[in-house]
Amino acid sequence: MIKTPEQMTREIKAQMRGGTGEVEILHLFNREELTGKSRMVAQVTIHQGCSIGFHEHGQEEEIYYILKGEGVFNENGQETIVSPGMATLTGNGAGHSIRNDQAEPLVLLAIILLFA
C-alpha cells in the first residue's frame, strides 16, 4: 500500500496526555490499515512551548525517532535532550513525556507496538 500525504489522516490534539498546547499528528496509517501488532504509526509535530504529557505504557511499547528539531524527553523522571537521529523506547510499565522548548518545531516518528 502506498499513501500520499493527502490520503493520511491529520489530527490536532490539545493538551495531549495532559501536556501543554497543541500537538499535530499525521497518521501515516490508520489502526484499521495495520494488520500487525501495532496501533499507531505517525509523524508528530510539537511546536515551541508545547508537549505530550507524562503517560505510561503497560501492554505496549512506544518508539520515538527524532526527525527534526530538539526536545526534552522525560523517561520516569530522567530528562534527556533528544535531537535528529536519536530514538527512544518506552514500555513494560515505564512512562515518558516530551516537550519542545526551542523555536524550531520538534518532529518525530511515533510507533506504538502491542505485546498481545
C-alpha atoms as a PDB file:
ATOM      1  CA  MET A   1       0.000   0.000   0.000  1.00  0.00           C
ATOM      2  CA  ILE A   2       1.197   3.477  -0.862  1.00  0.00           C
ATOM      3  CA  LYS A   3      -0.420   6.603   0.518  1.00  0.00           C
ATOM      4  CA  THR A   4       0.077  10.219  -0.413  1.00  0.00           C
ATOM      5  CA  PRO A   5       0.043  12.903   2.307  1.00  0.00           C
ATOM      6  CA  GLU A   6      -3.469  13.866   1.178  1.00  0.00           C
ATOM      7  CA  GLN A   7      -4.680  10.338   1.979  1.00  0.00           C
ATOM      8  CA  MET A   8      -3.264  10.406   5.503  1.00  0.00           C
ATOM      9  CA  THR A   9      -5.330  11.492   8.489  1.00  0.00           C
ATOM     10  CA  ARG A  10      -4.282  14.748  10.189  1.00  0.00           C
ATOM     11  CA  GLU A  11      -5.263  15.427  13.775  1.00  0.00           C
ATOM     12  CA  ILE A  12      -4.658  18.257  16.237  1.00  0.00           C
ATOM     13  CA  LYS A  13      -4.697  17.265  19.904  1.00  0.00           C
ATOM     14  CA  ALA A  14      -4.912  19.923  22.608  1.00  0.00           C
ATOM     15  CA  GLN A  15      -3.166  19.179  25.912  1.00  0.00           C
ATOM     16  CA  MET A  16      -2.224  15.686  24.672  1.00  0.00           C
ATOM     17  CA  ARG A  17      -1.858  13.311  27.631  1.00  0.00           C
ATOM     18  CA  GLY A  18      -2.056  16.324  29.944  1.00  0.00           C
ATOM     19  CA  GLY A  19       0.658  18.230  28.096  1.00  0.00           C
ATOM     20  CA  THR A  20       0.667  21.867  27.031  1.00  0.00           C
ATOM     21  CA  GLY A  21      -0.518  23.487  23.818  1.00  0.00           C
ATOM     22  CA  GLU A  22      -1.376  21.550  20.691  1.00  0.00           C
ATOM     23  CA  VAL A  23       0.328  18.616  19.001  1.00  0.00           C
ATOM     24  CA  GLU A  24      -0.077  17.860  15.287  1.00  0.00           C
ATOM     25  CA  ILE A  25      -0.380  14.176  14.359  1.00  0.00           C
ATOM     26  CA  LEU A  26      -0.143  12.880  10.814  1.00  0.00           C
ATOM     27  CA  HIS A  27      -1.306   9.256  10.930  1.00  0.00           C
ATOM     28  CA  LEU A  28       0.730   7.553   8.214  1.00  0.00           C
ATOM     29  CA  PHE A  29      -1.523   4.518   8.501  1.00  0.00           C
ATOM     30  CA  ASN A  30      -4.773   4.207  10.459  1.00  0.00           C
ATOM     31  CA  ARG A  31      -5.138   1.430  13.018  1.00  0.00           C
ATOM     32  CA  GLU A  32      -7.551  -0.394  10.703  1.00  0.00           C
ATOM     33  CA  GLU A  33      -4.877  -0.486   7.976  1.00  0.00           C
ATOM     34  CA  LEU A  34      -2.277  -2.031  10.287  1.00  0.00           C
ATOM     35  CA  THR A  35      -2.557  -5.806  10.420  1.00  0.00           C
ATOM     36  CA  GLY A  36       0.456  -6.349  12.682  1.00  0.00           C
ATOM     37  CA  LYS A  37       0.698  -5.814  16.421  1.00  0.00           C
ATOM     38  CA  SER A  38       0.705  -2.039  16.332  1.00  0.00           C
ATOM     39  CA  ARG A  39      -1.810   0.678  16.984  1.00  0.00           C
ATOM     40  CA  MET A  40      -0.065   3.800  15.757  1.00  0.00           C
ATOM     41  CA  VAL A  41       2.440   4.874  13.125  1.00  0.00           C
ATOM     42  CA  ALA A  42       2.500   8.653  12.904  1.00  0.00           C
ATOM     43  CA  GLN A  43       4.564  11.753  12.355  1.00  0.00           C
ATOM     44  CA  VAL A  44       4.170  14.057  15.344  1.00  0.00           C
ATOM     45  CA  THR A  45       4.965  17.783  15.307  1.00  0.00           C
ATOM     46  CA  ILE A  46       5.387  19.653  18.590  1.00  0.00           C
ATOM     47  CA  HIS A  47       5.774  23.428  18.374  1.00  0.00           C
ATOM     48  CA  GLN A  48       7.619  25.688  20.820  1.00  0.00           C
ATOM     49  CA  GLY A  49       6.122  25.627  24.313  1.00  0.00           C
ATOM     50  CA  CYS A  50       4.053  22.520  23.589  1.00  0.00           C
ATOM     51  CA  SER A  51       4.375  18.987  24.935  1.00  0.00           C
ATOM     52  CA  ILE A  52       2.988  15.489  25.227  1.00  0.00           C
ATOM     53  CA  GLY A  53       2.340  14.927  28.924  1.00  0.00           C
ATOM     54  CA  PHE A  54       3.706  12.091  31.037  1.00  0.00           C
ATOM     55  CA  HIS A  55       1.971   8.767  30.397  1.00  0.00           C
ATOM     56  CA  GLU A  56       2.766   5.092  30.923  1.00  0.00           C
ATOM     57  CA  HIS A  57       2.847   2.162  28.508  1.00  0.00           C
ATOM     58  CA  GLY A  58       1.742  -1.134  30.066  1.00  0.00           C
ATOM     59  CA  GLN A  59       0.989  -3.827  27.500  1.00  0.00           C
ATOM     60  CA  GLU A  60       2.692  -1.917  24.700  1.00  0.00           C
ATOM     61  CA  GLU A  61       5.834  -0.010  23.875  1.00  0.00           C
ATOM     62  CA  GLU A  62       6.331   3.288  22.079  1.00  0.00           C
ATOM     63  CA  ILE A  63       9.236   4.298  19.888  1.00  0.00           C
ATOM     64  CA  TYR A  64      10.086   7.918  19.115  1.00  0.00           C
ATOM     65  CA  TYR A  65      12.532   8.578  16.280  1.00  0.00           C
ATOM     66  CA  ILE A  66      13.538  12.241  16.147  1.00  0.00           C
ATOM     67  CA  LEU A  67      13.414  13.662  12.606  1.00  0.00           C
ATOM     68  CA  LYS A  68      13.830  17.410  13.145  1.00  0.00           C
ATOM     69  CA  GLY A  69      14.383  19.869  15.986  1.00  0.00           C
ATOM     70  CA  GLU A  70      15.345  19.299  19.594  1.00  0.00           C
ATOM     71  CA  GLY A  71      13.237  18.201  22.540  1.00  0.00           C
ATOM     72  CA  VAL A  72      13.391  17.339  26.219  1.00  0.00           C
ATOM     73  CA  PHE A  73      12.490  13.676  26.683  1.00  0.00           C
ATOM     74  CA  ASN A  74      11.496  12.540  30.183  1.00  0.00           C
ATOM     75  CA  GLU A  75      11.522   8.836  30.986  1.00  0.00           C
ATOM     76  CA  ASN A  76      10.458   8.063  34.557  1.00  0.00           C
ATOM     77  CA  GLY A  77      11.796  11.411  35.795  1.00  0.00           C
ATOM     78  CA  GLN A  78      15.120  11.394  33.941  1.00  0.00           C
ATOM     79  CA  GLU A  79      15.328  14.186  31.353  1.00  0.00           C
ATOM     80  CA  THR A  80      17.494  13.922  28.229  1.00  0.00           C
ATOM     81  CA  ILE A  81      17.867  16.282  25.287  1.00  0.00           C
ATOM     82  CA  VAL A  82      16.943  14.458  22.070  1.00  0.00           C
ATOM     83  CA  SER A  83      17.837  15.547  18.530  1.00  0.00           C
ATOM     84  CA  PRO A  84      17.654  14.218  14.954  1.00  0.00           C
ATOM     85  CA  GLY A  85      18.790  10.631  14.557  1.00  0.00           C
ATOM     86  CA  MET A  86      18.107   9.705  18.185  1.00  0.00           C
ATOM     87  CA  ALA A  87      15.499   7.084  19.116  1.00  0.00           C
ATOM     88  CA  THR A  88      13.703   6.278  22.373  1.00  0.00           C
ATOM     89  CA  LEU A  89      11.878   3.135  23.501  1.00  0.00           C
ATOM     90  CA  THR A  90       9.402   3.153  26.402  1.00  0.00           C
ATOM     91  CA  GLY A  91       7.340   0.150  27.554  1.00  0.00           C
ATOM     92  CA  ASN A  92       6.752  -2.521  30.203  1.00  0.00           C
ATOM     93  CA  GLY A  93       5.000  -0.051  32.503  1.00  0.00           C
ATOM     94  CA  ALA A  94       7.564   2.746  32.092  1.00  0.00           C
ATOM     95  CA  GLY A  95       6.348   6.276  31.437  1.00  0.00           C
ATOM     96  CA  HIS A  96       7.528   9.196  29.345  1.00  0.00           C
ATOM     97  CA  SER A  97       6.801  12.710  28.136  1.00  0.00           C
ATOM     98  CA  ILE A  98       8.390  15.071  25.630  1.00  0.00           C
ATOM     99  CA  ARG A  99       8.391  18.842  25.215  1.00  0.00           C
ATOM    100  CA  ASN A 100       9.761  21.452  22.857  1.00  0.00           C
ATOM    101  CA  ASP A 101      11.470  24.467  24.403  1.00  0.00           C
ATOM    102  CA  GLN A 102      13.021  25.607  21.097  1.00  0.00           C
ATOM    103  CA  ALA A 103      11.716  27.915  18.345  1.00  0.00           C
ATOM    104  CA  GLU A 104      12.068  25.212  15.667  1.00  0.00           C
ATOM    105  CA  PRO A 105       9.304  22.581  15.579  1.00  0.00           C
ATOM    106  CA  LEU A 106      10.167  19.179  17.022  1.00  0.00           C
ATOM    107  CA  VAL A 107       9.171  16.478  14.511  1.00  0.00           C
ATOM    108  CA  LEU A 108       9.276  12.785  15.354  1.00  0.00           C
ATOM    109  CA  LEU A 109       8.072   9.435  14.129  1.00  0.00           C
ATOM    110  CA  ALA A 110       5.961   7.679  16.786  1.00  0.00           C
ATOM    111  CA  ILE A 111       5.249   3.948  16.644  1.00  0.00           C
ATOM    112  CA  ILE A 112       3.209   2.069  19.255  1.00  0.00           C
ATOM    113  CA  LEU A 113       3.614  -1.708  19.286  1.00  0.00           C
ATOM    114  CA  LEU A 114       1.281  -4.028  21.219  1.00  0.00           C
ATOM    115  CA  PHE A 115       2.530  -7.009  23.218  1.00  0.00           C
ATOM    116  CA  ALA A 116      -0.573  -9.145  22.695  1.00  0.00           C
END
